[in-house]
Amino acid sequence: MKKHISSIIFAIAIIIAAALLGNAVINRNKKTGTVDVTGLGQKNFTSDLVVWEGNFSRENTDIKTAYADLERDRKEVLDYLIAKGIPKENIIFQAVNTTPLYRQNYSNAGNYMGQTFLGYELNQTLQVESKQVEKVEQISREITELLLQGVKFYSQAPRYYYTELESLKIEMISRATEDARIRAEKIAENSGTRLGKLLSANMGIFQITGLNSTEDYSWGGTFNTSSKEKTASITMRLSYSVK
């Protein structure tokens, strides 16, 4: 009786082993693998925030006189900007920077003979941050009018930003992901397979360049601030199984 039971168990074990081996052979012959694709998301947009800076200065041998002159210039600048439509709370004056001025003296033979004190230069920088982009742009071009009032004002180029950057980034990720999926489906179709599950997704660097510019992309991400009109882009690398 024990002999018969052992024979039955042995026969069942052979059948199971054969079934597993057969299944392994069948699975080995199935079309398996992955497809890796990179999608691009891009969008043009207009900056909605501008930051503009300028500075003005005064020189005098007497520091108190130089400071009094600078204070008058500060009032002239403030009144000018307010008259142009910039709210006072958007105008920020930085601390006054004081620099002693010297002339280096040399003999006819080129030997250093010390220095002569010439006075002080007092310099103050202001910053305007506003969503009135066009208005601030215009003021930055017209600010030289202050020269006619005796104010030595030097204007810097405006810098442009976008306050909805996070929402824009999410939209770009969605576009890049969809672009990559379409590419993957086309590759699978052309190779006679079907797209399976998404296995992994890796986001590339978020880049912002000037519209129609020739700026190079950077590994750390380009963030253009000199152009009002910009292009945002991002890449997504997806890996799908195919079946």
Protein backbone atom coordinates (compact mmCIF):
# COMPACT_ATOMS: atom_id res chain seq x y z
CA MET A 1 0.00 0.00 0.00
CA LYS A 2 2.83 2.40 0.92
CA LYS A 3 4.48 1.49 -2.35
CA HIS A 4 1.43 2.54 -4.32
CA ILE A 5 1.13 5.87 -2.44
CA SER A 6 4.79 6.69 -3.08
CA SER A 7 4.35 5.94 -6.76
CA ILE A 8 1.29 8.20 -6.97
CA ILE A 9 3.11 11.10 -5.22
CA PHE A 10 6.10 10.69 -7.49
CA ALA A 11 3.87 10.75 -10.59
CA ILE A 12 2.10 13.91 -9.41
CA ALA A 13 5.47 15.61 -8.78
CA ILE A 14 6.59 14.80 -12.34
CA ILE A 15 3.38 16.24 -13.79
CA ILE A 16 3.74 19.49 -11.77
CA ALA A 17 7.39 19.88 -12.74
CA ALA A 18 6.55 19.35 -16.39
CA ALA A 19 3.77 21.95 -16.20
CA LEU A 20 6.08 24.52 -14.60
CA LEU A 21 8.81 23.87 -17.17
CA GLY A 22 6.32 24.19 -20.01
CA ASN A 23 5.01 27.47 -18.62
CA ALA A 24 8.56 28.80 -18.33
CA VAL A 25 9.24 27.98 -21.96
CA ILE A 26 6.01 29.67 -23.03
CA ASN A 27 6.80 32.85 -21.00
CA ARG A 28 10.31 32.92 -22.37
CA ASN A 29 8.94 33.15 -25.88
CA LYS A 30 6.53 36.00 -25.07
CA LYS A 31 7.41 39.52 -26.28
CA THR A 32 8.59 41.42 -23.22
CA GLY A 33 10.67 44.55 -22.69
CA THR A 34 10.48 48.27 -22.14
CA VAL A 35 10.37 51.43 -24.19
CA ASP A 36 12.06 54.62 -22.94
CA VAL A 37 10.94 57.98 -24.30
CA THR A 38 11.52 61.67 -23.59
CA GLY A 39 8.70 64.19 -23.95
CA LEU A 40 8.92 67.97 -24.16
CA GLY A 41 6.52 70.53 -22.71
CA GLN A 42 6.80 74.17 -23.83
CA LYS A 43 4.80 77.36 -23.41
CA ASN A 44 5.33 81.02 -24.23
CA PHE A 45 4.24 83.55 -21.60
CA THR A 46 4.49 87.21 -20.66
CA SER A 47 6.09 88.33 -17.39
CA ASP A 48 3.68 89.90 -14.92
CA LEU A 49 6.19 91.39 -12.45
CA VAL A 50 9.02 93.86 -13.02
CA VAL A 51 11.89 94.82 -10.74
CA TRP A 52 13.80 97.96 -11.63
CA GLU A 53 16.77 99.56 -9.89
CA GLY A 54 18.64 102.84 -10.24
CA ASN A 55 21.05 104.91 -8.21
CA PHE A 56 22.01 108.53 -7.71
CA SER A 57 25.05 110.13 -6.11
CA ARG A 58 26.62 113.31 -4.79
CA GLU A 59 30.25 114.35 -4.20
CA ASN A 60 31.63 116.98 -1.85
CA THR A 61 34.68 117.59 0.34
CA ASP A 62 32.31 118.11 3.25
CA ILE A 63 30.34 114.96 4.09
CA LYS A 64 27.44 116.87 5.67
CA THR A 65 26.98 118.97 2.55
CA ALA A 66 27.16 115.86 0.36
CA TYR A 67 24.50 114.18 2.50
CA ALA A 68 22.21 117.22 2.38
CA ASP A 69 22.53 117.34 -1.43
CA LEU A 70 21.76 113.61 -1.61
CA GLU A 71 18.65 114.07 0.55
CA ARG A 72 17.36 116.73 -1.84
CA ASP A 73 17.99 114.37 -4.76
CA ARG A 74 16.15 111.61 -2.93
CA LYS A 75 13.09 113.82 -2.57
CA GLU A 76 13.28 114.81 -6.25
CA VAL A 77 13.43 111.14 -7.28
CA LEU A 78 10.58 110.12 -4.98
CA ASP A 79 8.34 112.98 -6.16
CA TYR A 80 9.14 112.16 -9.79
CA LEU A 81 8.21 108.46 -9.45
CA ILE A 82 5.00 109.18 -7.53
CA ALA A 83 3.99 111.76 -10.17
CA LYS A 84 4.55 109.06 -12.80
CA GLY A 85 2.07 106.76 -11.04
CA ILE A 86 4.27 104.53 -8.90
CA PRO A 87 2.80 104.01 -5.39
CA LYS A 88 5.14 105.14 -2.61
CA GLU A 89 5.03 101.69 -0.97
CA ASN A 90 6.56 100.17 -4.12
CA ILE A 91 9.62 102.40 -3.93
CA ILE A 92 12.38 101.12 -1.66
CA PHE A 93 15.49 103.22 -0.93
CA GLN A 94 18.58 101.33 0.20
CA ALA A 95 21.07 102.60 2.78
CA VAL A 96 23.45 105.36 1.68
CA ASN A 97 26.87 104.12 0.66
CA THR A 98 29.77 106.46 1.50
CA THR A 99 33.14 106.24 -0.28
CA PRO A 100 36.18 108.47 0.44
CA LEU A 101 37.80 109.72 -2.78
CA TYR A 102 41.58 109.98 -3.22
CA ARG A 103 43.95 110.91 -6.02
CA GLN A 104 47.13 108.85 -6.27
CA ASN A 105 50.25 111.01 -6.74
CA TYR A 106 53.38 110.02 -8.68
CA SER A 107 56.58 111.84 -9.53
CA ASN A 108 57.77 112.41 -13.08
CA ALA A 109 59.98 109.36 -12.60
CA GLY A 110 56.95 107.25 -11.74
CA ASN A 111 57.61 106.99 -7.99
CA TYR A 112 54.58 106.88 -5.70
CA MET A 113 54.30 110.06 -3.62
CA GLY A 114 51.20 109.36 -1.54
CA GLN A 115 47.61 110.40 -2.07
CA THR A 116 45.45 113.50 -1.88
CA PHE A 117 42.01 113.48 -0.28
CA LEU A 118 39.39 114.76 -2.73
CA GLY A 119 36.20 114.40 -0.72
CA TYR A 120 33.35 111.94 -0.38
CA GLU A 121 31.01 110.24 -2.79
CA LEU A 122 27.59 109.34 -1.39
CA ASN A 123 25.53 106.88 -3.40
CA GLN A 124 21.98 105.63 -2.85
CA THR A 125 20.14 102.85 -4.72
CA LEU A 126 16.39 102.52 -5.08
CA GLN A 127 14.30 99.55 -6.17
CA VAL A 128 10.82 99.50 -7.66
CA GLU A 129 8.88 96.22 -7.70
CA SER A 130 5.56 96.37 -9.49
CA LYS A 131 2.99 94.50 -11.54
CA GLN A 132 2.59 97.62 -13.70
CA VAL A 133 5.17 96.23 -16.10
CA GLU A 134 4.60 98.60 -19.02
CA LYS A 135 4.51 101.68 -16.79
CA VAL A 136 7.79 100.83 -15.05
CA GLU A 137 9.40 100.05 -18.41
CA GLN A 138 8.48 103.49 -19.66
CA ILE A 139 9.74 105.21 -16.50
CA SER A 140 13.07 103.37 -16.74
CA ARG A 141 13.51 104.91 -20.20
CA GLU A 142 12.36 108.40 -19.23
CA ILE A 143 14.19 108.66 -15.89
CA THR A 144 17.01 110.63 -17.54
CA GLU A 145 14.61 113.59 -17.30
CA LEU A 146 15.94 113.91 -13.74
CA LEU A 147 19.28 115.01 -15.18
CA LEU A 148 17.55 118.25 -16.18
CA GLN A 149 16.77 118.74 -12.49
CA GLY A 150 20.41 118.26 -11.53
CA VAL A 151 20.06 114.68 -10.26
CA LYS A 152 22.84 112.32 -11.32
CA PHE A 153 20.60 109.29 -11.77
CA TYR A 154 21.75 106.05 -13.41
CA SER A 155 19.12 103.53 -14.49
CA GLN A 156 19.64 99.77 -14.74
CA ALA A 157 17.79 97.48 -17.13
CA PRO A 158 14.50 96.12 -15.68
CA ARG A 159 14.31 92.48 -14.61
CA TYR A 160 11.19 90.47 -15.45
CA TYR A 161 9.53 87.70 -13.43
CA TYR A 162 6.35 85.61 -13.41
CA THR A 163 4.30 85.17 -10.24
CA GLU A 164 2.43 82.03 -11.38
CA LEU A 165 5.58 79.99 -11.92
CA GLU A 166 4.48 76.94 -9.91
CA SER A 167 1.21 76.60 -11.85
CA LEU A 168 3.14 77.01 -15.10
CA LYS A 169 5.58 74.29 -14.06
CA ILE A 170 2.76 71.83 -13.34
CA GLU A 171 1.23 72.58 -16.75
CA MET A 172 4.60 71.98 -18.44
CA ILE A 173 5.02 68.63 -16.67
CA SER A 174 1.57 67.58 -17.89
CA ARG A 175 2.40 68.58 -21.47
CA ALA A 176 5.76 66.82 -21.43
CA THR A 177 4.23 63.64 -19.97
CA GLU A 178 1.51 63.57 -22.63
CA ASP A 179 4.09 64.16 -25.37
CA ALA A 180 6.20 61.27 -24.07
CA ARG A 181 3.19 58.92 -23.87
CA ILE A 182 2.21 59.64 -27.49
CA ARG A 183 5.79 58.93 -28.59
CA ALA A 184 5.85 55.65 -26.63
CA GLU A 185 2.53 54.51 -28.17
CA LYS A 186 3.84 55.21 -31.66
CA ILE A 187 7.05 53.26 -31.00
CA ALA A 188 5.10 50.29 -29.62
CA GLU A 189 2.71 50.37 -32.57
CA ASN A 190 5.55 50.42 -35.10
CA SER A 191 7.25 47.48 -33.39
CA GLY A 192 4.11 45.34 -33.32
CA THR A 193 3.61 45.46 -29.56
CA ARG A 194 1.22 47.17 -27.17
CA LEU A 195 2.12 49.70 -24.50
CA GLY A 196 1.91 48.34 -20.97
CA LYS A 197 2.25 49.94 -17.55
CA LEU A 198 4.25 53.04 -16.79
CA LEU A 199 7.34 51.81 -14.95
CA SER A 200 9.12 55.07 -14.12
CA ALA A 201 8.97 58.81 -14.74
CA ASN A 202 11.86 61.24 -14.33
CA MET A 203 11.57 65.02 -14.65
CA GLY A 204 14.22 67.07 -16.39
CA ILE A 205 15.37 70.61 -15.57
CA PHE A 206 12.86 73.45 -15.77
CA GLN A 207 14.18 76.08 -18.18
CA ILE A 208 13.05 79.66 -18.83
CA THR A 209 14.57 81.47 -21.80
CA GLY A 210 13.79 84.64 -23.69
CA LEU A 211 11.22 84.18 -26.45
CA ASN A 212 12.94 83.34 -29.78
CA SER A 213 16.34 83.75 -28.12
CA THR A 214 19.48 81.72 -28.76
CA GLU A 215 20.15 81.10 -25.06
CA ASP A 216 21.76 77.77 -24.23
CA TYR A 217 20.08 75.40 -21.81
CA SER A 218 21.94 74.75 -18.57
CA TRP A 219 22.29 71.57 -16.52
CA GLY A 220 21.25 73.61 -13.49
CA GLY A 221 18.38 75.33 -15.29
CA THR A 222 18.30 78.64 -17.17
CA PHE A 223 16.22 81.42 -15.62
CA ASN A 224 15.99 84.43 -17.91
CA THR A 225 15.17 87.77 -16.24
CA SER A 226 16.14 90.17 -19.04
CA SER A 227 13.22 89.42 -21.42
CA LYS A 228 9.59 90.28 -20.78
CA GLU A 229 8.41 87.64 -23.26
CA LYS A 230 9.69 84.21 -22.30
CA THR A 231 9.48 80.49 -23.13
CA ALA A 232 9.18 77.85 -20.41
CA SER A 233 10.15 74.25 -21.12
CA ILE A 234 10.68 70.99 -19.30
CA THR A 235 11.36 67.37 -20.28
CA MET A 236 9.94 64.15 -18.87
CA ARG A 237 11.63 60.78 -19.37
CA LEU A 238 9.17 57.87 -19.13
CA SER A 239 9.72 54.13 -19.18
CA TYR A 240 6.86 51.80 -20.21
CA SER A 241 6.56 48.04 -20.37
CA VAL A 242 5.49 46.59 -23.72
CA LYS A 243 3.48 43.42 -24.34
